[in-house]
Amino acid sequence: MTPAHKAVCHVCHATFPPSKLRSWISVRPGVSELINAAHPGWEAGKSICRADLATYRGAYVETLLAKERGELSALDQQVIESLKSGELVSQNMLDDNASTATFGERMADKVATFGGSWTFIILFSATLLFWITVNIAGLMAQPFDPYPFILLNLVLSSLAALQAPIIMMSQRRQETKDRMRAENDYRVNLKAEIEIRQLHEKMDHQLAQQWDKLAELQQIQIELLEERLNDRG
C-alpha cells in the first residue's frame, strides 16, 4: 500500500506526492510512446516522476533531432542535456569573455578602441602639425627633423607596423566573441523551438482527449434520448 496522499511512479516504482508526478494525459504522445516501449502498461491513470520524465523527454528530443538533422552536433547535445536537467542554456557572454581574457588581449582591445576614436585622430593630427611646424618655421636654431622629415616617416612607419598586428589581434578576438554569441543564440533558439513544438503536441493531445470525451458524452445522451423515446412509444 502506498502512503496517504502519495502515488507510485510507473517507471521507478517509487512513491511521490502528487505535486512531484505527471499524469499520463499531461505527457506528450511522442514521450509516452518511449515510456510505453520501455515500461509497458503506460496508460490512463498512470503517473511518472519528474526525473524520469526529464530523461524520456531528452531521449525523445534526441530522436527527433536525429531524424531531422542526422548526426547531432555538440551544440545539439548541450541542448538535450539542458532539457534533461532543466537548466538554462543561455550564457552571459560579456562576463565569460571578461573573465577569460588575458592581459595582452585586454590591452589589444583598449589600443584598438583608442586607435579608432576621434580622440586619437585629433591628438595624432595635432602632433603631426606641431612636429612639422617646429621643423619648418625655424623655431629652433637646429631643427631635429628638417624637411623631408625622415625621422617623422620612421616614427609613422614604426607606429603603423605596431598598430596593425594589435588591431588584427583585437579583430580576431572580436570574431571569437561573435562566434560564441552565435552559438549561444543557436542553443537558445533550438531549445525554444523544441519546447514550442512539444507544447503544441501537448495541446493537440489534450484536445484529442477532450474531443473523445465529448463524443462519448454525446453518444450517451443520444442513447438516453432513444431510451426515453422508446419508453414513450
Protein backbone atom coordinates (compact mmCIF):
# COMPACT_ATOMS: atom_id res chain seq x y z
CA MET A 1 0.00 0.00 0.00
CA THR A 2 1.24 3.47 -0.79
CA PRO A 3 1.29 6.16 1.92
CA ALA A 4 -1.63 8.53 2.14
CA HIS A 5 -1.64 11.36 -0.40
CA LYS A 6 1.16 9.70 -2.39
CA ALA A 7 1.29 7.89 -5.72
CA VAL A 8 3.66 5.49 -7.47
CA CYS A 9 5.85 6.36 -10.44
CA HIS A 10 5.22 3.96 -13.31
CA VAL A 11 8.93 3.86 -14.23
CA CYS A 12 10.93 3.77 -10.99
CA HIS A 13 8.02 2.48 -8.79
CA ALA A 14 8.92 4.98 -6.07
CA THR A 15 6.25 6.88 -4.15
CA PHE A 16 5.93 10.66 -4.51
CA PRO A 17 3.46 13.39 -3.54
CA PRO A 18 1.05 14.21 -6.38
CA SER A 19 2.82 17.52 -6.99
CA LYS A 20 6.02 15.63 -7.91
CA LEU A 21 4.30 13.44 -10.52
CA ARG A 22 2.90 13.98 -14.00
CA SER A 23 -0.18 12.10 -15.10
CA TRP A 24 -0.43 10.12 -18.33
CA ILE A 25 -2.72 12.63 -20.01
CA SER A 26 -0.28 15.51 -19.46
CA VAL A 27 2.64 13.72 -21.16
CA ARG A 28 3.22 14.34 -24.86
CA PRO A 29 2.37 11.46 -27.22
CA GLY A 30 5.92 11.09 -28.51
CA VAL A 31 7.31 10.86 -25.00
CA SER A 32 4.53 8.47 -23.99
CA GLU A 33 5.50 6.11 -26.81
CA LEU A 34 9.06 5.90 -25.50
CA ILE A 35 7.86 5.31 -21.93
CA ASN A 36 5.45 2.59 -23.01
CA ALA A 37 8.15 0.92 -25.11
CA ALA A 38 10.49 0.71 -22.13
CA HIS A 39 7.81 0.13 -19.48
CA PRO A 40 4.64 -1.45 -20.94
CA GLY A 41 1.37 -0.58 -19.34
CA TRP A 42 1.80 3.19 -19.55
CA GLU A 43 -1.80 4.29 -19.94
CA ALA A 44 -4.54 6.45 -18.45
CA GLY A 45 -4.38 6.53 -14.68
CA LYS A 46 -0.60 6.11 -14.54
CA SER A 47 1.90 8.72 -13.39
CA ILE A 48 5.61 9.37 -13.78
CA CYS A 49 8.03 11.34 -11.61
CA ARG A 50 9.72 14.47 -12.90
CA ALA A 51 13.21 12.95 -13.02
CA ASP A 52 12.15 10.02 -15.20
CA LEU A 53 10.01 12.29 -17.35
CA ALA A 54 13.01 14.56 -17.96
CA THR A 55 15.05 11.52 -19.03
CA TYR A 56 12.45 10.40 -21.58
CA ARG A 57 11.94 13.95 -22.79
CA GLY A 58 15.64 14.16 -23.53
CA ALA A 59 15.53 10.82 -25.33
CA TYR A 60 12.54 11.99 -27.37
CA VAL A 61 14.25 15.24 -28.35
CA GLU A 62 17.42 13.36 -29.27
CA THR A 63 15.42 11.03 -31.51
CA LEU A 64 13.56 13.98 -33.05
CA LEU A 65 16.76 15.90 -33.83
CA ALA A 66 18.48 12.80 -35.17
CA LYS A 67 15.64 12.27 -37.66
CA GLU A 68 15.66 15.87 -38.87
CA ARG A 69 19.37 16.73 -38.76
CA GLY A 70 21.16 13.39 -38.95
CA GLU A 71 24.22 13.26 -36.74
CA LEU A 72 23.88 15.51 -33.70
CA SER A 73 26.42 18.25 -33.13
CA ALA A 74 27.98 19.19 -29.81
CA LEU A 75 25.58 22.14 -29.54
CA ASP A 76 22.59 19.84 -30.08
CA GLN A 77 23.88 17.58 -27.30
CA GLN A 78 24.16 20.57 -24.97
CA VAL A 79 20.53 21.47 -25.64
CA ILE A 80 19.43 17.89 -24.96
CA GLU A 81 21.35 17.80 -21.68
CA SER A 82 19.77 21.10 -20.64
CA LEU A 83 16.31 19.68 -21.32
CA LYS A 84 17.10 16.64 -19.19
CA SER A 85 18.48 18.67 -16.30
CA GLY A 86 16.08 21.61 -16.61
CA GLU A 87 18.95 24.11 -16.65
CA LEU A 88 19.26 27.21 -18.81
CA VAL A 89 21.39 27.13 -21.95
CA SER A 90 21.77 30.90 -22.31
CA GLN A 91 25.00 32.44 -21.06
CA ASN A 92 26.19 35.97 -20.36
CA MET A 93 28.92 36.20 -22.99
CA LEU A 94 30.22 39.54 -21.65
CA ASP A 95 31.04 38.06 -18.25
CA ASP A 96 32.66 34.95 -19.79
CA ASN A 97 34.85 36.99 -22.13
CA ALA A 98 35.93 39.38 -19.39
CA SER A 99 36.91 36.56 -17.05
CA THR A 100 38.88 34.51 -19.61
CA ALA A 101 40.69 37.37 -21.41
CA THR A 102 44.43 37.61 -20.85
CA PHE A 103 46.28 40.85 -20.07
CA GLY A 104 47.55 41.06 -23.67
CA GLU A 105 44.06 40.59 -25.10
CA ARG A 106 42.61 43.29 -22.86
CA MET A 107 45.41 45.67 -23.84
CA ALA A 108 44.85 44.90 -27.52
CA ASP A 109 41.15 45.72 -27.15
CA LYS A 110 41.95 49.01 -25.43
CA VAL A 111 44.55 50.00 -28.03
CA ALA A 112 42.19 49.13 -30.90
CA THR A 113 39.36 51.05 -29.25
CA PHE A 114 41.55 54.11 -28.69
CA GLY A 115 43.07 53.89 -32.19
CA GLY A 116 39.61 54.00 -33.76
CA SER A 117 38.38 57.01 -31.80
CA TRP A 118 38.22 60.72 -32.60
CA THR A 119 40.45 61.39 -29.60
CA PHE A 120 43.31 59.50 -31.28
CA ILE A 121 42.69 61.22 -34.63
CA ILE A 122 42.72 64.70 -33.09
CA LEU A 123 45.78 64.05 -30.90
CA PHE A 124 47.66 62.43 -33.78
CA SER A 125 46.82 65.30 -36.17
CA ALA A 126 47.88 67.86 -33.57
CA THR A 127 51.18 66.04 -33.00
CA LEU A 128 51.93 65.92 -36.74
CA LEU A 129 51.10 69.60 -37.15
CA PHE A 130 53.29 70.55 -34.20
CA TRP A 131 56.18 68.39 -35.48
CA ILE A 132 56.07 69.91 -38.97
CA THR A 133 55.64 73.47 -37.69
CA VAL A 134 58.60 73.23 -35.30
CA ASN A 135 60.90 71.90 -38.02
CA ILE A 136 59.79 74.31 -40.77
CA ALA A 137 59.08 77.61 -39.04
CA GLY A 138 62.61 77.90 -37.64
CA LEU A 139 61.53 78.00 -34.03
CA MET A 140 64.69 76.10 -33.16
CA ALA A 141 68.27 77.01 -34.04
CA GLN A 142 68.86 73.50 -35.29
CA PRO A 143 65.66 71.57 -36.35
CA PHE A 144 65.80 67.99 -35.08
CA ASP A 145 63.97 66.65 -38.18
CA PRO A 146 64.29 69.02 -41.16
CA TYR A 147 62.42 68.56 -44.41
CA PRO A 148 61.72 65.91 -45.82
CA PHE A 149 61.07 64.71 -42.24
CA ILE A 150 62.93 61.40 -42.34
CA LEU A 151 62.56 60.87 -38.60
CA LEU A 152 58.81 61.52 -38.83
CA ASN A 153 58.50 58.93 -41.60
CA LEU A 154 60.36 56.44 -39.42
CA VAL A 155 58.06 57.12 -36.46
CA LEU A 156 54.94 56.78 -38.62
CA SER A 157 56.19 53.54 -40.17
CA SER A 158 57.01 52.10 -36.74
CA LEU A 159 53.61 53.15 -35.41
CA ALA A 160 51.81 51.54 -38.36
CA ALA A 161 53.89 48.36 -38.02
CA LEU A 162 52.91 48.03 -34.34
CA GLN A 163 49.32 49.16 -34.68
CA ALA A 164 48.37 46.78 -37.49
CA PRO A 165 49.03 43.47 -35.63
CA ILE A 166 47.42 44.86 -32.47
CA ILE A 167 44.25 45.73 -34.41
CA MET A 168 44.31 42.30 -36.10
CA MET A 169 44.64 40.67 -32.68
CA SER A 170 41.62 42.60 -31.43
CA GLN A 171 39.63 41.72 -34.57
CA ARG A 172 40.42 38.04 -34.14
CA ARG A 173 39.24 38.23 -30.56
CA GLN A 174 36.07 40.00 -31.73
CA GLU A 175 35.46 37.20 -34.23
CA THR A 176 35.74 34.69 -31.39
CA LYS A 177 33.20 36.69 -29.39
CA ASP A 178 30.81 36.81 -32.36
CA ARG A 179 31.12 33.04 -32.89
CA MET A 180 30.39 32.37 -29.21
CA ARG A 181 27.37 34.69 -29.33
CA ALA A 182 26.11 32.91 -32.47
CA GLU A 183 26.49 29.51 -30.78
CA ASN A 184 24.67 30.80 -27.70
CA ASP A 185 21.83 32.17 -29.85
CA TYR A 186 21.62 28.85 -31.69
CA ARG A 187 21.29 26.89 -28.43
CA VAL A 188 18.61 29.22 -27.10
CA ASN A 189 16.64 29.23 -30.38
CA LEU A 190 16.86 25.45 -30.73
CA LYS A 191 15.63 24.86 -27.20
CA ALA A 192 12.79 27.35 -27.67
CA GLU A 193 11.80 25.67 -30.94
CA ILE A 194 11.76 22.23 -29.31
CA GLU A 195 9.74 23.38 -26.30
CA ILE A 196 7.22 25.19 -28.51
CA ARG A 197 6.84 22.07 -30.63
CA GLN A 198 6.34 19.93 -27.53
CA LEU A 199 3.79 22.43 -26.24
CA HIS A 200 1.83 22.13 -29.49
CA GLU A 201 1.91 18.34 -29.24
CA LYS A 202 0.66 18.50 -25.67
CA MET A 203 -2.20 20.82 -26.63
CA ASP A 204 -3.14 18.63 -29.60
CA HIS A 205 -3.07 15.56 -27.34
CA GLN A 206 -5.29 17.18 -24.72
CA LEU A 207 -7.70 18.49 -27.36
CA ALA A 208 -7.95 15.00 -28.83
CA GLN A 209 -8.72 13.60 -25.39
CA GLN A 210 -11.39 16.24 -24.84
CA TRP A 211 -12.98 15.54 -28.22
CA ASP A 212 -13.11 11.83 -27.39
CA LYS A 213 -14.80 12.58 -24.08
CA LEU A 214 -17.27 14.97 -25.73
CA ALA A 215 -18.07 12.37 -28.39
CA GLU A 216 -18.61 9.75 -25.67
CA LEU A 217 -20.90 12.09 -23.70
CA GLN A 218 -22.84 12.90 -26.85
CA GLN A 219 -23.26 9.19 -27.57
CA ILE A 220 -24.56 8.62 -24.06
CA GLN A 221 -27.04 11.50 -24.44
CA ILE A 222 -28.24 10.04 -27.73
CA GLU A 223 -28.75 6.65 -26.10
CA LEU A 224 -30.69 8.25 -23.22
CA LEU A 225 -32.91 10.13 -25.68
CA GLU A 226 -33.55 6.94 -27.65
CA GLU A 227 -34.47 5.10 -24.46
CA ARG A 228 -36.92 7.85 -23.48
CA LEU A 229 -38.47 7.83 -26.95
CA ASN A 230 -38.86 4.05 -26.75
CA ASP A 231 -40.44 4.36 -23.30
CA ARG A 232 -42.96 6.90 -24.60
CA GLY A 233 -43.73 4.76 -27.59
